[in-house]
Amino acid sequence: MSINASLIVQMIVFAILVWFTMRFVWPPITAALDERAKKIAEGLSAADKAKADLAAANKRVEVELSKAREDATKRIADAERTAQQMVEEAKGRAVEEANKIIAAARAEAEQASVKAREVLREQVAGLAVKGAEAILRREVDAGVHAELLGRLKAEL
């Protein structure tokens, strides 16, 4: 065979190989590449969508957190006001109770004072009667009377 015939046969074989490759090998490869490119594009769009969803979710979380903080602040303020009101009410009740106790103690002290005065009056009356008896038993003498009155003063 000559170089020309060999070259023509190689060209024919090469043409058959190119035709076979273009007909049977190349379409599945291009289909696979197209499919992979499509999947990559879908993945990128899904990632972009996920980023957008994440940003929206972060905004919603921030809004909810701010609402929760505001709500917590309001509840704390309400609780503090309620606690202050309860303390004030308790102070008022304590003052009223203290005033009642003081009034009762004053009344009891007044009663004790009145009772002590009555006892003292009874004792003074008894002593006066004893002094009068002693004066009447002795004869009337200014010196003796002064002495008896002095002892009476000492007993009081």
Protein backbone atom coordinates (compact mmCIF):
# COMPACT_ATOMS: atom_id res chain seq x y z
CA MET A 1 0.00 0.00 0.00
CA SER A 2 1.10 3.32 -0.73
CA ILE A 3 1.07 6.27 1.53
CA ASN A 4 -1.77 7.74 -0.40
CA ALA A 5 -4.00 4.68 -0.04
CA SER A 6 -3.08 4.34 3.64
CA LEU A 7 -3.79 8.01 4.18
CA ILE A 8 -7.17 7.71 2.49
CA VAL A 9 -8.07 4.63 4.57
CA GLN A 10 -6.98 6.47 7.74
CA MET A 11 -9.07 9.44 6.71
CA ILE A 12 -12.07 7.19 6.13
CA VAL A 13 -11.55 5.45 9.49
CA PHE A 14 -11.14 8.85 11.10
CA ALA A 15 -14.32 10.11 9.46
CA ILE A 16 -16.18 6.99 10.68
CA LEU A 17 -14.78 7.57 14.17
CA VAL A 18 -15.86 11.22 14.07
CA TRP A 19 -19.30 10.23 12.80
CA PHE A 20 -19.64 7.48 15.45
CA THR A 21 -18.48 9.86 18.19
CA MET A 22 -20.82 12.62 17.02
CA ARG A 23 -23.68 10.21 16.67
CA PHE A 24 -23.38 7.98 19.75
CA VAL A 25 -20.82 9.43 22.22
CA TRP A 26 -21.17 13.19 21.98
CA PRO A 27 -24.98 13.50 22.61
CA PRO A 28 -24.88 11.71 26.01
CA ILE A 29 -21.84 13.76 27.04
CA THR A 30 -23.49 17.03 26.06
CA ALA A 31 -26.72 15.92 27.70
CA ALA A 32 -24.81 15.10 30.89
CA LEU A 33 -22.97 18.43 30.75
CA ASP A 34 -26.23 20.28 30.11
CA GLU A 35 -27.92 18.44 32.96
CA ARG A 36 -25.00 19.19 35.29
CA ALA A 37 -25.04 22.87 34.25
CA LYS A 38 -28.79 22.92 34.89
CA LYS A 39 -28.30 21.35 38.35
CA ILE A 40 -25.55 23.85 39.17
CA ALA A 41 -27.81 26.73 38.06
CA GLU A 42 -30.67 25.32 40.15
CA GLY A 43 -28.31 24.94 43.13
CA LEU A 44 -27.12 28.52 42.75
CA SER A 45 -30.67 29.83 42.48
CA ALA A 46 -31.65 27.72 45.50
CA ALA A 47 -28.68 29.14 47.41
CA ASP A 48 -29.72 32.68 46.44
CA LYS A 49 -33.27 31.91 47.48
CA ALA A 50 -32.02 30.42 50.77
CA LYS A 51 -29.95 33.57 51.37
CA ALA A 52 -33.01 35.71 50.74
CA ASP A 53 -35.12 33.48 53.00
CA LEU A 54 -32.43 33.65 55.68
CA ALA A 55 -32.31 37.43 55.48
CA ALA A 56 -36.11 37.59 55.73
CA ALA A 57 -36.07 35.16 58.64
CA ASN A 58 -33.38 37.23 60.38
CA LYS A 59 -35.53 40.34 59.94
CA ARG A 60 -38.56 38.52 61.37
CA VAL A 61 -36.44 37.27 64.27
CA GLU A 62 -35.21 40.81 64.98
CA VAL A 63 -38.78 42.12 64.87
CA GLU A 64 -39.98 39.35 67.19
CA LEU A 65 -37.02 39.91 69.53
CA SER A 66 -37.73 43.63 69.70
CA LYS A 67 -41.40 42.90 70.38
CA ALA A 68 -40.43 40.40 73.07
CA ARG A 69 -38.03 42.91 74.63
CA GLU A 70 -40.70 45.60 74.63
CA ASP A 71 -43.21 43.17 76.10
CA ALA A 72 -40.74 42.08 78.76
CA THR A 73 -39.96 45.71 79.59
CA LYS A 74 -43.66 46.50 79.90
CA ARG A 75 -44.26 43.45 82.07
CA ILE A 76 -41.32 44.32 84.31
CA ALA A 77 -42.58 47.89 84.62
CA ASP A 78 -46.08 46.62 85.43
CA ALA A 79 -44.67 44.19 87.97
CA GLU A 80 -42.60 46.96 89.58
CA ARG A 81 -45.65 49.23 89.72
CA THR A 82 -47.73 46.44 91.22
CA ALA A 83 -45.00 45.64 93.74
CA GLN A 84 -44.68 49.32 94.66
CA GLN A 85 -48.44 49.56 95.04
CA MET A 86 -48.48 46.45 97.23
CA VAL A 87 -45.66 47.90 99.35
CA GLU A 88 -47.55 51.17 99.72
CA GLU A 89 -50.72 49.30 100.68
CA ALA A 90 -48.78 47.21 103.17
CA LYS A 91 -47.22 50.37 104.61
CA GLY A 92 -50.67 51.93 104.91
CA ARG A 93 -52.03 48.85 106.66
CA ALA A 94 -48.97 48.76 108.91
CA VAL A 95 -49.43 52.43 109.82
CA GLU A 96 -53.12 51.82 110.53
CA GLU A 97 -52.27 48.79 112.65
CA ALA A 98 -49.54 50.75 114.46
CA ASN A 99 -52.00 53.57 115.13
CA LYS A 100 -54.52 51.05 116.48
CA ILE A 101 -51.87 49.49 118.70
CA ILE A 102 -50.73 52.93 119.91
CA ALA A 103 -54.34 53.97 120.58
CA ALA A 104 -54.97 50.72 122.45
CA ALA A 105 -51.76 51.19 124.45
CA ARG A 106 -52.71 54.79 125.26
CA ALA A 107 -56.18 53.69 126.31
CA GLU A 108 -54.70 50.92 128.43
CA ALA A 109 -52.17 53.36 129.93
CA GLU A 110 -54.99 55.83 130.63
CA GLN A 111 -57.01 53.08 132.29
CA ALA A 112 -53.99 52.05 134.33
CA SER A 113 -53.39 55.69 135.26
CA VAL A 114 -57.05 56.11 136.30
CA LYS A 115 -56.89 52.88 138.27
CA ALA A 116 -53.63 53.96 139.92
CA ARG A 117 -55.21 57.32 140.82
CA GLU A 118 -58.20 55.53 142.31
CA VAL A 119 -55.91 53.28 144.34
CA LEU A 120 -53.85 56.29 145.38
CA ARG A 121 -57.01 58.19 146.36
CA GLU A 122 -58.15 55.22 148.41
CA GLN A 123 -54.74 55.04 150.08
CA VAL A 124 -54.71 58.83 150.69
CA ALA A 125 -58.22 58.63 152.09
CA GLY A 126 -57.15 55.76 154.33
CA LEU A 127 -54.10 57.66 155.44
CA ALA A 128 -56.19 60.78 156.05
CA VAL A 129 -58.58 58.74 158.13
CA LYS A 130 -55.65 57.21 160.03
CA GLY A 131 -54.15 60.67 160.52
CA ALA A 132 -57.46 62.05 161.72
CA GLU A 133 -57.85 59.13 164.09
CA ALA A 134 -54.36 59.69 165.41
CA ILE A 135 -55.01 63.41 165.83
CA LEU A 136 -58.32 62.79 167.54
CA ARG A 137 -56.84 60.22 169.92
CA ARG A 138 -54.28 62.64 171.22
CA GLU A 139 -55.02 65.91 172.74
CA VAL A 140 -55.03 68.96 170.60
CA ASP A 141 -51.47 70.23 170.46
CA ALA A 142 -49.90 72.18 167.55
CA GLY A 143 -46.50 70.48 167.86
CA VAL A 144 -48.02 66.99 167.85
CA HIS A 145 -50.22 67.89 164.90
CA ALA A 146 -47.20 69.17 162.94
CA GLU A 147 -45.34 65.94 163.70
CA LEU A 148 -48.28 63.81 162.52
CA LEU A 149 -48.68 65.86 159.36
CA GLY A 150 -44.95 65.46 158.67
CA ARG A 151 -45.26 61.65 158.94
CA LEU A 152 -48.34 61.77 156.74
CA LYS A 153 -46.40 63.70 154.09
CA ALA A 154 -43.59 61.15 154.26
CA GLU A 155 -46.02 58.29 153.72
CA LEU A 156 -47.52 59.97 150.67
